[in-house]
């Protein structure tokens, strides 16, 4: 038996060792992930999209490659992935420098389709606007077909960055916003700076693409009252004002020189978006790279973390009629860096969302910058990336969260660029397994009937022990040029059941469940609303009145 004086240091060492254990494990190679994004001339790209392309219940990942080939990683269900890109039918992307990616069931056949943005071609040199974006329809047999021309996108030549699916007219067909950067530029992308931006007069408008019955997309940008141009890094559909329709927050690079970020309020059922960024204090004049969406304080209003060069903005939603507040410093996230992707998620499953931020220097500058992991401590966040094993020094861009191994907690994938200049550490796309979660959880998948088939744009609220938590279903444009899982995840701490789940479907339908068990993947299918045919009811009522009037005339002898 050890003496007490010897035992005490041993216990202290053991306790410190437990506390300092890494909570995330880099399992990139073990999982079969071999990817790096290769830039064309400069910093632009790349993104990742989480989706279940073959409907086998395991979430797969598509990652753009830039000058390298894209990859489509099929989830094998045993914590490994297989790249099935070559047999997928998507190899037409080899002709393009791909950037961002998002997915939705655009024709409502139950299979998720892919939209991929590009900035130029790989097979020949083009002047800006250099290329079209690409749309691939899921055949339902593990392959895709190129329907870019069929859906009216083959004439839209642009320099596009990020895409985002949403349903802004609430008809159940997923629409699409695309951020564009240039209309014209003749220099090299590696030398973009304040001077070249000021000299450029050809900033671009975005695309607002209306889905016409799953058959075609039509650009209704002008029709919806939009005329702005900017250095667009995409946008994200989100209901910032809790009125049940999807608004749009747009990220703009070089906002302090040209166009600031925009918050476009959806005036549905009117066919119009209204820019309310200035009155809501969301007209951020920064190098806006990407957006994380989440309710960090569980007050029922979505908050937004916007990445930037130097200092990021943590925009807290104060509720109806009030402006947002940038509380980055007060909340402990006011660090200096060059940031791109960002994700709110309850990684430790304690009932509030934490925050991951992917950092990376401008390529080809290539100064190593560690990523951030901010753990939500209630009134503040604490940066713990180095302790938890998440301070990767790759040249980070997009990042996504999903439960790749179906163990109930959220894992993390970070897209990293290959360095143009000499770089001291490997910079490759990295998959981190979450080994930190301790609390109970629930995952909720939506199956829309009148709404989008996977619930994109819908909102889920749960009530547990007097606390309410909300999640919006991601349609892309989140993080940087990326799309997280459409399966909503909630950490529940030590709760043994969920008192109530309410789904707010796009289109206005609502439904609730009560006394729901924890630690499960729950699929909720929309119960369709009965849509009354008011014209038919009016006609029947009129006919009935005429019939009564006829009986009255008969009885009085008038006829």
Protein backbone atom coordinates (compact mmCIF):
# COMPACT_ATOMS: atom_id res chain seq x y z
CA UNK A 1 0.00 0.00 0.00
CA UNK A 2 1.37 3.45 -1.00
CA UNK A 3 2.10 5.96 1.78
CA UNK A 4 -0.32 8.89 2.01
CA UNK A 5 2.32 11.39 0.88
CA UNK A 6 2.96 9.32 -2.24
CA UNK A 7 -0.72 8.65 -2.93
CA UNK A 8 -1.73 12.34 -2.92
CA UNK A 9 0.55 13.39 -5.84
CA UNK A 10 -0.50 10.28 -7.77
CA UNK A 11 -4.18 11.14 -7.36
CA UNK A 12 -3.49 14.76 -8.32
CA UNK A 13 -1.60 13.68 -11.45
CA UNK A 14 -4.37 11.22 -12.39
CA UNK A 15 -7.06 13.90 -11.92
CA UNK A 16 -5.16 16.45 -14.04
CA UNK A 17 -4.60 13.81 -16.71
CA UNK A 18 -8.34 13.08 -16.85
CA UNK A 19 -9.21 16.79 -17.04
CA UNK A 20 -6.69 17.40 -19.82
CA UNK A 21 -7.71 14.48 -22.01
CA UNK A 22 -8.58 15.56 -25.51
CA UNK A 23 -12.32 15.57 -26.10
CA UNK A 24 -12.02 15.38 -29.88
CA UNK A 25 -9.96 12.83 -31.80
CA UNK A 26 -8.55 13.31 -35.29
CA UNK A 27 -9.69 10.15 -37.08
CA UNK A 28 -9.26 11.46 -40.64
CA UNK A 29 -7.02 8.71 -42.02
CA UNK A 30 -8.70 5.97 -40.00
CA UNK A 31 -12.08 7.00 -41.43
CA UNK A 32 -10.77 6.93 -45.01
CA UNK A 33 -10.85 10.70 -45.59
CA UNK A 34 -8.13 11.88 -47.99
CA UNK A 35 -8.91 15.37 -49.25
CA UNK A 36 -7.37 18.79 -49.61
CA UNK A 37 -8.80 21.81 -51.39
CA UNK A 38 -6.45 23.26 -54.02
CA UNK A 39 -6.89 26.96 -54.80
CA UNK A 40 -6.88 28.59 -58.20
CA UNK A 41 -4.63 31.69 -58.05
CA UNK A 42 -5.79 32.69 -54.58
CA UNK A 43 -7.78 32.23 -51.41
CA UNK A 44 -11.24 31.17 -52.70
CA UNK A 45 -12.92 27.85 -51.62
CA UNK A 46 -13.95 25.31 -50.40
CA UNK A 47 -17.02 23.87 -48.80
CA UNK A 48 -18.64 20.64 -47.62
CA UNK A 49 -22.21 19.36 -47.55
CA UNK A 50 -23.68 16.72 -45.24
CA UNK A 51 -26.54 14.73 -46.77
CA UNK A 52 -27.81 11.15 -47.05
CA UNK A 53 -27.63 10.72 -50.83
CA UNK A 54 -28.62 7.02 -50.88
CA UNK A 55 -31.31 7.11 -48.14
CA UNK A 56 -29.64 4.39 -46.06
CA UNK A 57 -29.89 6.32 -42.79
CA UNK A 58 -26.18 7.16 -42.67
CA UNK A 59 -25.04 10.69 -43.46
CA UNK A 60 -22.62 11.11 -46.36
CA UNK A 61 -20.38 14.07 -47.25
CA UNK A 62 -19.65 15.94 -50.48
CA UNK A 63 -16.54 18.16 -50.48
CA UNK A 64 -15.46 20.50 -53.26
CA UNK A 65 -11.87 20.31 -54.47
CA UNK A 66 -11.19 23.55 -56.34
CA UNK A 67 -8.41 22.62 -58.75
CA UNK A 68 -8.48 19.09 -57.31
CA UNK A 69 -11.32 16.68 -57.98
CA UNK A 70 -14.34 16.85 -55.70
CA UNK A 71 -15.12 13.88 -53.46
CA UNK A 72 -18.36 12.12 -52.52
CA UNK A 73 -17.79 10.10 -49.36
CA UNK A 74 -20.32 7.34 -48.77
CA UNK A 75 -20.77 6.54 -45.10
CA UNK A 76 -20.14 2.80 -44.67
CA UNK A 77 -21.80 2.64 -41.25
CA UNK A 78 -18.66 1.32 -39.55
CA UNK A 79 -17.02 4.71 -38.86
CA UNK A 80 -15.37 4.71 -42.31
CA UNK A 81 -16.12 6.36 -45.65
CA UNK A 82 -15.59 5.34 -49.28
CA UNK A 83 -15.07 7.88 -52.06
CA UNK A 84 -17.65 6.99 -54.74
CA UNK A 85 -17.13 10.14 -56.80
CA UNK A 86 -15.91 8.37 -59.96
CA UNK A 87 -19.07 6.26 -60.29
CA UNK A 88 -21.46 8.96 -59.03
CA UNK A 89 -22.24 10.75 -62.31
CA UNK A 90 -20.86 14.04 -60.92
CA UNK A 91 -17.46 13.84 -62.64
CA UNK A 92 -18.43 16.75 -64.93
CA UNK A 93 -17.22 18.93 -62.06
CA UNK A 94 -13.66 18.04 -63.15
CA UNK A 95 -13.97 20.74 -65.81
CA UNK A 96 -14.56 23.46 -63.19
CA UNK A 97 -12.91 25.11 -60.19
CA UNK A 98 -15.56 24.25 -57.62
CA UNK A 99 -16.21 26.32 -54.48
CA UNK A 100 -19.32 25.72 -52.37
CA UNK A 101 -21.99 23.02 -52.20
CA UNK A 102 -25.51 22.60 -50.81
CA UNK A 103 -28.26 20.01 -51.17
CA UNK A 104 -32.07 19.72 -51.17
CA UNK A 105 -34.79 17.58 -52.72
CA UNK A 106 -35.57 20.00 -55.54
CA UNK A 107 -38.13 17.78 -57.33
CA UNK A 108 -39.69 16.24 -54.18
CA UNK A 109 -38.99 12.62 -55.18
CA UNK A 110 -37.52 11.76 -51.78
CA UNK A 111 -33.86 11.88 -52.87
CA UNK A 112 -31.53 14.79 -52.17
CA UNK A 113 -30.01 16.67 -55.11
CA UNK A 114 -26.75 18.69 -55.30
CA UNK A 115 -25.92 22.28 -56.26
CA UNK A 116 -22.24 23.19 -56.71
CA UNK A 117 -20.83 26.68 -57.26
CA UNK A 118 -17.82 27.45 -59.47
CA UNK A 119 -15.55 30.41 -60.28
CA UNK A 120 -13.91 29.32 -63.55
CA UNK A 121 -13.05 26.33 -65.67
CA UNK A 122 -10.12 23.97 -65.21
CA UNK A 123 -9.98 22.81 -68.82
CA UNK A 124 -9.51 26.26 -70.38
CA UNK A 125 -8.83 29.84 -69.34
CA UNK A 126 -11.87 32.11 -69.18
CA UNK A 127 -12.45 35.80 -68.43
CA UNK A 128 -14.72 36.70 -65.52
CA UNK A 129 -17.61 35.93 -65.42
CA UNK A 130 -15.99 32.62 -66.08
CA UNK A 131 -18.38 29.73 -65.58
CA UNK A 132 -21.81 28.36 -64.79
CA UNK A 133 -22.87 26.69 -61.56
CA UNK A 134 -23.84 23.02 -61.63
CA UNK A 135 -27.03 21.20 -60.61
CA UNK A 136 -27.15 17.42 -60.28
CA UNK A 137 -30.40 15.47 -59.86
CA UNK A 138 -30.31 12.36 -57.70
CA UNK A 139 -31.37 9.31 -59.74
CA UNK A 140 -32.28 7.34 -56.60
CA UNK A 141 -29.84 4.53 -57.43
CA UNK A 142 -26.64 6.02 -56.00
CA UNK A 143 -25.90 8.16 -59.05
CA UNK A 144 -26.67 11.70 -60.25
CA UNK A 145 -27.25 13.35 -63.62
CA UNK A 146 -26.35 16.86 -64.73
CA UNK A 147 -29.55 18.92 -65.15
CA UNK A 148 -27.93 22.36 -65.21
CA UNK A 149 -29.32 23.18 -68.67
CA UNK A 150 -32.67 21.50 -68.07
CA UNK A 151 -33.29 23.70 -65.02
CA UNK A 152 -32.34 26.95 -66.75
CA UNK A 153 -28.96 27.54 -65.12
CA UNK A 154 -26.71 27.10 -68.16
CA UNK A 155 -26.79 30.77 -69.20
CA UNK A 156 -25.97 32.23 -65.78
CA UNK A 157 -22.24 32.89 -66.11
CA UNK A 158 -20.84 34.14 -62.84
CA UNK A 159 -18.08 34.01 -60.25
CA UNK A 160 -20.11 32.27 -57.54
CA UNK A 161 -19.13 31.48 -53.97
CA UNK A 162 -21.85 30.03 -51.72
CA UNK A 163 -25.34 28.61 -52.31
CA UNK A 164 -28.21 28.26 -49.84
CA UNK A 165 -31.50 26.39 -50.19
CA UNK A 166 -34.66 27.74 -48.57
CA UNK A 167 -38.37 28.05 -49.26
CA UNK A 168 -39.02 31.79 -49.29
CA UNK A 169 -42.52 31.49 -50.81
CA UNK A 170 -43.52 28.57 -48.54
CA UNK A 171 -44.84 26.34 -51.33
CA UNK A 172 -42.81 23.24 -50.39
CA UNK A 173 -40.40 23.50 -53.33
CA UNK A 174 -36.85 24.44 -52.20
CA UNK A 175 -35.64 27.72 -53.69
CA UNK A 176 -32.02 28.85 -53.90
CA UNK A 177 -29.88 31.90 -53.16
CA UNK A 178 -26.42 32.15 -54.75
CA UNK A 179 -23.75 34.65 -53.73
CA UNK A 180 -21.66 36.13 -56.55
CA UNK A 181 -18.38 38.04 -56.18
CA UNK A 182 -17.33 39.66 -59.48
CA UNK A 183 -18.90 40.60 -62.78
CA UNK A 184 -15.53 41.50 -64.25
CA UNK A 185 -11.94 41.14 -63.06
CA UNK A 186 -8.75 40.75 -65.09
CA UNK A 187 -6.09 40.48 -62.37
CA UNK A 188 -4.89 37.45 -60.43
CA UNK A 189 -6.98 36.39 -57.47
CA UNK A 190 -3.87 36.05 -55.31
CA UNK A 191 -3.36 39.83 -55.27
CA UNK A 192 -6.87 40.92 -54.24
CA UNK A 193 -6.60 43.65 -51.61
CA UNK A 194 -8.21 46.97 -50.64
CA UNK A 195 -6.58 48.77 -53.56
CA UNK A 196 -7.73 46.34 -56.23
CA UNK A 197 -11.22 46.21 -54.72
CA UNK A 198 -11.59 49.99 -54.72
CA UNK A 199 -10.52 50.01 -58.38
CA UNK A 200 -13.09 47.36 -59.30
CA UNK A 201 -16.48 48.66 -60.41
CA UNK A 202 -17.89 45.29 -61.39
CA UNK A 203 -19.24 43.93 -58.13
CA UNK A 204 -22.02 41.39 -58.63
CA UNK A 205 -25.63 40.91 -57.66
CA UNK A 206 -26.72 37.57 -56.26
CA UNK A 207 -29.19 35.10 -57.74
CA UNK A 208 -32.57 34.54 -56.09
CA UNK A 209 -33.76 31.39 -57.82
CA UNK A 210 -37.42 30.42 -57.53
CA UNK A 211 -38.17 26.70 -57.87
CA UNK A 212 -41.01 26.37 -60.36
CA UNK A 213 -42.67 23.11 -59.41
CA UNK A 214 -39.48 21.08 -59.39
CA UNK A 215 -39.04 21.60 -63.13
CA UNK A 216 -36.94 24.74 -63.43
CA UNK A 217 -35.33 27.63 -61.55
CA UNK A 218 -36.08 31.25 -62.45
CA UNK A 219 -34.08 34.24 -61.19
CA UNK A 220 -36.60 36.54 -59.41
CA UNK A 221 -33.99 38.80 -57.85
CA UNK A 222 -35.39 41.98 -59.39
CA UNK A 223 -38.99 40.79 -59.08
CA UNK A 224 -38.56 40.63 -55.30
CA UNK A 225 -37.29 44.22 -55.07
CA UNK A 226 -33.56 43.47 -54.90
CA UNK A 227 -31.03 45.59 -56.76
CA UNK A 228 -27.90 45.59 -54.58
CA UNK A 229 -24.45 44.42 -55.68
CA UNK A 230 -21.51 43.38 -53.55
CA UNK A 231 -18.59 41.02 -53.11
CA UNK A 232 -20.90 38.18 -52.16
CA UNK A 233 -19.79 35.22 -50.06
CA UNK A 234 -23.26 33.69 -50.06
CA UNK A 235 -26.11 33.97 -47.62
CA UNK A 236 -28.21 31.94 -45.22
CA UNK A 237 -32.00 31.63 -45.03
CA UNK A 238 -33.18 32.13 -41.45
CA UNK A 239 -36.25 33.41 -39.57
CA UNK A 240 -34.62 36.19 -37.52
CA UNK A 241 -37.95 37.88 -36.57
CA UNK A 242 -39.94 34.74 -35.65
CA UNK A 243 -42.79 35.55 -38.05
CA UNK A 244 -42.78 32.10 -39.66
CA UNK A 245 -41.21 32.90 -43.04
CA UNK A 246 -37.63 32.68 -44.21
CA UNK A 247 -35.55 35.84 -44.26
CA UNK A 248 -32.06 36.05 -45.77
CA UNK A 249 -28.76 37.25 -44.30
CA UNK A 250 -26.12 37.98 -46.97
CA UNK A 251 -22.35 37.95 -46.34
CA UNK A 252 -20.29 40.55 -48.23
CA UNK A 253 -16.52 40.71 -48.42
CA UNK A 254 -14.88 44.18 -48.20
CA UNK A 255 -18.02 45.64 -46.64
CA UNK A 256 -16.10 48.62 -45.31
CA UNK A 257 -15.15 49.63 -48.88
CA UNK A 258 -18.22 48.62 -50.86
CA UNK A 259 -21.49 46.91 -49.81
CA UNK A 260 -22.06 45.98 -46.17
CA UNK A 261 -23.78 42.78 -45.05
CA UNK A 262 -27.52 42.75 -45.69
CA UNK A 263 -30.45 41.44 -43.65
CA UNK A 264 -33.34 40.92 -46.04
CA UNK A 265 -36.73 40.64 -44.34
CA UNK A 266 -39.17 38.40 -46.18
CA UNK A 267 -42.50 40.22 -46.56
CA UNK A 268 -44.38 37.02 -47.46
CA UNK A 269 -47.10 36.70 -48.75
CA UNK A 270 -45.97 39.78 -50.68
CA UNK A 271 -43.31 38.89 -53.23
CA UNK A 272 -40.66 41.15 -51.75
CA UNK A 273 -37.57 41.27 -49.56
CA UNK A 274 -36.79 44.47 -47.65
CA UNK A 275 -33.27 45.29 -46.47
CA UNK A 276 -33.54 46.05 -42.72
CA UNK A 277 -29.83 45.63 -41.98
CA UNK A 278 -29.25 49.25 -40.95
CA UNK A 279 -32.17 49.50 -38.52
CA UNK A 280 -31.29 46.09 -37.06
CA UNK A 281 -27.55 46.96 -36.81
CA UNK A 282 -26.70 44.02 -39.08
CA UNK A 283 -25.11 46.15 -41.84
CA UNK A 284 -21.67 44.91 -40.83
CA UNK A 285 -18.88 46.67 -42.70
CA UNK A 286 -16.39 43.84 -42.48
CA UNK A 287 -14.82 41.08 -44.59
CA UNK A 288 -17.81 38.84 -43.98
CA UNK A 289 -16.87 35.23 -44.77
CA UNK A 290 -19.59 33.07 -43.25
CA UNK A 291 -22.37 32.74 -40.68
CA UNK A 292 -23.24 30.39 -37.84
CA UNK A 293 -26.89 30.38 -36.75
CA UNK A 294 -28.03 29.40 -33.26
CA UNK A 295 -29.86 30.48 -30.11
CA UNK A 296 -26.90 30.65 -27.72
CA UNK A 297 -28.92 31.78 -24.65
CA UNK A 298 -32.12 29.77 -25.26
CA UNK A 299 -34.35 32.85 -25.32
CA UNK A 300 -36.24 31.78 -28.45
CA UNK A 301 -34.51 34.18 -30.88
CA UNK A 302 -31.82 33.17 -33.37
CA UNK A 303 -28.39 34.72 -32.88
CA UNK A 304 -25.67 35.01 -35.54
CA UNK A 305 -21.89 34.66 -35.44
CA UNK A 306 -20.28 36.24 -38.51
CA UNK A 307 -16.67 35.47 -39.39
CA UNK A 308 -14.24 38.13 -40.56
CA UNK A 309 -10.61 39.07 -41.09
CA UNK A 310 -9.37 40.19 -37.64
CA UNK A 311 -12.40 40.37 -35.30
CA UNK A 312 -15.57 38.30 -35.70
CA UNK A 313 -19.04 39.58 -34.78
CA UNK A 314 -21.32 37.82 -32.27
CA UNK A 315 -24.68 39.40 -33.08
CA UNK A 316 -27.20 38.83 -30.30
CA UNK A 317 -30.91 39.01 -31.17
CA UNK A 318 -32.76 41.22 -28.68
CA UNK A 319 -36.20 40.36 -30.02
CA UNK A 320 -39.04 42.07 -31.85
CA UNK A 321 -38.49 45.70 -32.81
CA UNK A 322 -34.98 45.88 -31.37
CA UNK A 323 -31.56 46.03 -33.07
CA UNK A 324 -28.94 43.31 -32.74
CA UNK A 325 -25.99 43.83 -30.39
CA UNK A 326 -22.42 42.77 -31.14
CA UNK A 327 -21.44 41.15 -27.83
CA UNK A 328 -18.29 39.35 -28.99
CA UNK A 329 -16.05 40.89 -26.33
CA UNK A 330 -18.57 40.54 -23.49
CA UNK A 331 -19.16 36.89 -24.38
CA UNK A 332 -15.45 36.05 -24.51
CA UNK A 333 -15.14 35.41 -28.25
CA UNK A 334 -13.33 38.63 -29.22
CA UNK A 335 -10.16 37.00 -30.53
CA UNK A 336 -8.06 38.33 -33.43
CA UNK A 337 -7.83 35.94 -36.37
CA UNK A 338 -8.77 35.29 -40.00
CA UNK A 339 -11.95 33.20 -39.77
CA UNK A 340 -14.17 31.46 -42.31
CA UNK A 341 -16.39 28.58 -41.21
CA UNK A 342 -18.29 28.62 -37.91
CA UNK A 343 -20.78 26.24 -36.28
CA UNK A 344 -23.09 26.50 -33.29
CA UNK A 345 -23.70 23.04 -31.82
CA UNK A 346 -24.17 21.46 -28.40
CA UNK A 347 -21.00 19.39 -28.58
CA UNK A 348 -20.97 18.52 -24.86
CA UNK A 349 -24.75 17.96 -24.65
CA UNK A 350 -25.32 20.14 -21.62
CA UNK A 351 -28.33 22.01 -23.01
CA UNK A 352 -26.71 25.03 -24.69
CA UNK A 353 -24.82 25.50 -27.96
CA UNK A 354 -21.06 25.81 -28.14
CA UNK A 355 -19.16 27.39 -31.04
CA UNK A 356 -16.44 26.12 -33.39
CA UNK A 357 -14.56 28.54 -35.69
CA UNK A 358 -12.34 27.49 -38.61
CA UNK A 359 -9.39 29.84 -39.09
CA UNK A 360 -6.92 30.12 -41.96
CA UNK A 361 -4.62 32.74 -43.38
CA UNK A 362 -5.11 34.21 -46.83
CA UNK A 363 -3.52 31.81 -49.27
CA UNK A 364 -0.64 32.36 -50.38
CA UNK A 365 0.38 34.27 -47.19
CA UNK A 366 0.13 31.02 -45.25
CA UNK A 367 0.77 32.00 -41.63
CA UNK A 368 -0.43 29.15 -39.36
CA UNK A 369 -3.52 30.09 -37.35
CA UNK A 370 -5.19 27.75 -34.83
CA UNK A 371 -8.92 27.08 -34.94
CA UNK A 372 -11.16 28.14 -32.04
CA UNK A 373 -13.48 26.11 -29.83
CA UNK A 374 -15.66 28.23 -27.56
CA UNK A 375 -17.48 26.29 -24.84
CA UNK A 376 -20.71 27.90 -23.66
CA UNK A 377 -20.46 28.53 -19.91
CA UNK A 378 -23.78 30.37 -19.64
CA UNK A 379 -22.94 34.05 -19.39
CA UNK A 380 -19.67 33.69 -21.31
CA UNK A 381 -17.76 31.39 -23.64
CA UNK A 382 -14.33 29.92 -22.89
CA UNK A 383 -11.81 29.16 -25.65
CA UNK A 384 -10.59 25.58 -25.14
CA UNK A 385 -9.47 24.37 -28.59
CA UNK A 386 -5.91 23.44 -27.59
CA UNK A 387 -7.11 21.51 -24.53
CA UNK A 388 -9.84 19.65 -26.40
CA UNK A 389 -7.77 18.73 -29.47
CA UNK A 390 -9.39 21.14 -31.94
CA UNK A 391 -6.69 23.77 -32.49
CA UNK A 392 -5.89 22.57 -36.00
CA UNK A 393 -3.35 24.69 -37.89
CA UNK A 394 -4.55 23.87 -41.39
CA UNK A 395 -5.64 26.66 -43.74
CA UNK A 396 -9.28 26.37 -42.73
CA UNK A 397 -12.30 27.32 -44.82
CA UNK A 398 -15.66 25.49 -44.61
CA UNK A 399 -16.72 23.36 -41.63
CA UNK A 400 -19.73 21.12 -40.94
CA UNK A 401 -21.23 19.27 -37.98
CA UNK A 402 -22.98 15.89 -38.12
CA UNK A 403 -23.14 12.58 -36.27
CA UNK A 404 -21.04 10.55 -38.71
CA UNK A 405 -20.85 7.45 -36.46
CA UNK A 406 -24.49 7.55 -35.24
CA UNK A 407 -23.50 7.47 -31.56
CA UNK A 408 -25.71 10.44 -30.64
CA UNK A 409 -23.17 13.27 -30.41
CA UNK A 410 -22.00 15.75 -33.04
CA UNK A 411 -18.71 15.31 -34.86
CA UNK A 412 -16.89 17.91 -36.94
CA UNK A 413 -15.31 18.10 -40.39
CA UNK A 414 -13.05 21.02 -41.40
CA UNK A 415 -12.12 21.72 -45.03
CA UNK A 416 -8.51 22.87 -45.31
CA UNK A 417 -6.67 24.32 -48.30
CA UNK A 418 -3.35 23.15 -49.67
CA UNK A 419 -0.78 25.87 -48.97
CA UNK A 420 0.56 27.73 -51.99
CA UNK A 421 3.73 28.76 -50.15
CA UNK A 422 5.90 26.71 -47.81
CA UNK A 423 3.89 25.67 -44.75
CA UNK A 424 5.20 24.15 -41.49
CA UNK A 425 2.38 21.65 -40.82
CA UNK A 426 0.09 19.47 -42.95
CA UNK A 427 -3.00 21.31 -44.22
CA UNK A 428 -5.59 18.71 -45.20
CA UNK A 429 -9.30 18.29 -44.61
CA UNK A 430 -9.78 16.88 -41.12
CA UNK A 431 -12.51 14.79 -39.44
CA UNK A 432 -12.79 15.02 -35.66
CA UNK A 433 -14.69 12.42 -33.63
CA UNK A 434 -16.48 13.84 -30.60
CA UNK A 435 -15.45 11.98 -27.45
CA UNK A 436 -16.58 14.65 -24.99
CA UNK A 437 -20.36 14.39 -24.80
CA UNK A 438 -21.72 13.18 -21.46
CA UNK A 439 -25.36 14.25 -21.36
CA UNK A 440 -28.49 12.75 -22.86
CA UNK A 441 -29.59 13.82 -26.34
CA UNK A 442 -32.18 13.59 -29.06
CA UNK A 443 -31.85 13.83 -32.83
CA UNK A 444 -34.90 14.85 -34.86
CA UNK A 445 -35.30 14.27 -38.59
CA UNK A 446 -38.21 15.88 -40.43
CA UNK A 447 -40.23 14.41 -43.26
CA UNK A 448 -42.19 17.15 -44.97
CA UNK A 449 -45.41 16.48 -46.86
CA UNK A 450 -46.52 20.00 -47.71
CA UNK A 451 -43.21 21.53 -46.57
CA UNK A 452 -39.82 20.70 -48.11
CA UNK A 453 -39.36 16.94 -47.88
CA UNK A 454 -36.48 17.10 -45.36
CA UNK A 455 -37.84 20.10 -43.46
CA UNK A 456 -35.36 22.67 -44.78
CA UNK A 457 -36.35 26.08 -43.38
CA UNK A 458 -38.57 24.61 -40.69
CA UNK A 459 -37.94 25.18 -36.99
CA UNK A 460 -38.00 22.72 -34.06
CA UNK A 461 -38.59 23.74 -30.43
CA UNK A 462 -38.24 21.40 -27.48
CA UNK A 463 -39.22 21.94 -23.84
CA UNK A 464 -37.24 20.16 -21.11
CA UNK A 465 -37.57 20.86 -17.38
CA UNK A 466 -38.85 24.37 -18.01
CA UNK A 467 -36.15 25.21 -20.60
CA UNK A 468 -36.91 25.80 -24.28
CA UNK A 469 -34.41 25.19 -27.08
CA UNK A 470 -34.80 25.81 -30.83
CA UNK A 471 -33.06 24.68 -34.00
CA UNK A 472 -33.53 25.75 -37.62
CA UNK A 473 -33.09 23.10 -40.31
CA UNK A 474 -30.06 24.03 -42.38
CA UNK A 475 -30.42 24.58 -46.13
CA UNK A 476 -26.81 25.58 -46.77
CA UNK A 477 -24.99 28.88 -46.73
CA UNK A 478 -24.09 28.14 -43.14
CA UNK A 479 -20.50 28.13 -41.95
CA UNK A 480 -18.49 29.07 -45.10
CA UNK A 481 -19.81 27.76 -48.45
CA UNK A 482 -21.13 24.69 -46.61
CA UNK A 483 -24.20 22.90 -45.26
CA UNK A 484 -24.57 21.12 -41.93
CA UNK A 485 -26.74 18.09 -41.25
CA UNK A 486 -30.50 18.56 -41.71
CA UNK A 487 -31.02 16.36 -38.63
CA UNK A 488 -31.56 18.61 -35.61
CA UNK A 489 -29.53 17.68 -32.52
CA UNK A 490 -30.29 18.72 -28.93
CA UNK A 491 -28.18 18.08 -25.86
CA UNK A 492 -30.35 17.32 -22.82
CA UNK A 493 -27.91 17.13 -19.90
CA UNK A 494 -29.45 14.76 -17.31
CA UNK A 495 -33.08 15.06 -18.51
CA UNK A 496 -34.85 11.70 -18.69
CA UNK A 497 -37.61 12.78 -21.08
CA UNK A 498 -38.63 15.68 -23.29
CA UNK A 499 -41.81 17.38 -22.12
CA UNK A 500 -42.80 18.72 -25.53
CA UNK A 501 -41.55 18.93 -29.12
CA UNK A 502 -43.10 21.46 -31.50
CA UNK A 503 -42.34 21.60 -35.22
CA UNK A 504 -42.98 24.87 -37.04
CA UNK A 505 -43.09 23.78 -40.66
CA UNK A 506 -42.50 26.19 -43.52
CA UNK A 507 -45.95 27.06 -44.82
CA UNK A 508 -47.42 27.58 -41.33
CA UNK A 509 -48.26 24.05 -40.26
CA UNK A 510 -47.51 23.17 -36.62
CA UNK A 511 -47.57 19.90 -34.71
CA UNK A 512 -46.52 18.78 -31.24
CA UNK A 513 -45.49 15.64 -29.40
CA UNK A 514 -45.31 15.20 -25.62
CA UNK A 515 -43.44 12.99 -23.15
CA UNK A 516 -40.80 11.91 -25.68
CA UNK A 517 -38.03 9.50 -24.56
CA UNK A 518 -34.41 10.69 -24.84
CA UNK A 519 -31.36 9.18 -26.61
CA UNK A 520 -33.02 8.36 -29.90
CA UNK A 521 -33.27 9.48 -33.52
CA UNK A 522 -36.89 10.56 -33.93
CA UNK A 523 -38.43 11.06 -37.37
CA UNK A 524 -41.45 13.37 -37.43
CA UNK A 525 -43.67 13.28 -40.51
CA UNK A 526 -45.73 16.35 -41.25
CA UNK A 527 -49.48 16.01 -40.77
CA UNK A 528 -50.91 17.91 -43.74
CA UNK A 529 -53.22 20.82 -43.09
CA UNK A 530 -56.63 20.57 -44.69
CA UNK A 531 -56.63 23.35 -47.23
CA UNK A 532 -60.18 24.53 -47.64
CA UNK A 533 -61.31 25.46 -51.10
CA UNK A 534 -62.91 28.79 -50.25
CA UNK A 535 -64.28 29.34 -53.76
CA UNK A 536 -66.05 25.99 -53.68
CA UNK A 537 -67.48 26.69 -50.22
CA UNK A 538 -68.67 30.09 -51.39
CA UNK A 539 -70.33 28.57 -54.45
CA UNK A 540 -72.04 25.87 -52.37
CA UNK A 541 -73.28 28.45 -49.87
CA UNK A 542 -74.66 30.58 -52.71
CA UNK A 543 -76.38 27.57 -54.23
CA UNK A 544 -77.94 26.69 -50.84
CA UNK A 545 -79.26 30.25 -50.40
CA UNK A 546 -80.77 30.20 -53.88
CA UNK A 547 -82.35 26.84 -53.11
CA UNK A 548 -83.96 28.19 -49.91
CA UNK A 549 -85.13 31.25 -51.79
CA UNK A 550 -86.70 29.02 -54.44
CA UNK A 551 -88.57 27.01 -51.74
CA UNK A 552 -89.79 30.27 -50.19
CA UNK A 553 -91.15 31.48 -53.53
CA UNK A 554 -92.90 28.16 -54.09
CA UNK A 555 -94.59 28.32 -50.70
CA UNK A 556 -95.75 31.90 -51.15
CA UNK A 557 -97.15 31.11 -54.56
CA UNK A 558 -94.89 33.54 -56.32
CA UNK A 559 -93.93 30.79 -58.75
